[in-house]
């Protein structure tokens, strides 16, 4: 199959399965394709872009989920600082949520910058 911009439904399913399955073999099985086909498809530029898009969407969804938790995490820290109760576990949980939120934000920003650089490079190569 030639590398083109149009992916088949099975190729799109395979790209999504790569996010949820433990390895390429399992993703291939979930998408209803053979393992050799999966590894051949992984070399296709269009599929690589689809995988990146699927990963980006999943990361954005995770970021939104963490953003929803961020207010609770901040409130937990505030409660822990204003009470005499033992709050070590609550502080640790709040710290984890906030740390992961900041990490995900940084990753999303880096991904956007790299994508912009790759796009600019592709345009420069076409000239």
Foldseek 3Di string as FASTA:
>chain_A
DDQDLDDDPLLLQLLLLVVVDDDSCRSCVRSVHHSVVSVVVVPRPNSVVSNVVNVLVVLVVVLVVLVVCLVVLVVLVVVVVPDPDDRVVSPVVSVVSVVVNVVSVVVNVVVVVVVVVVVVVVVVVVD
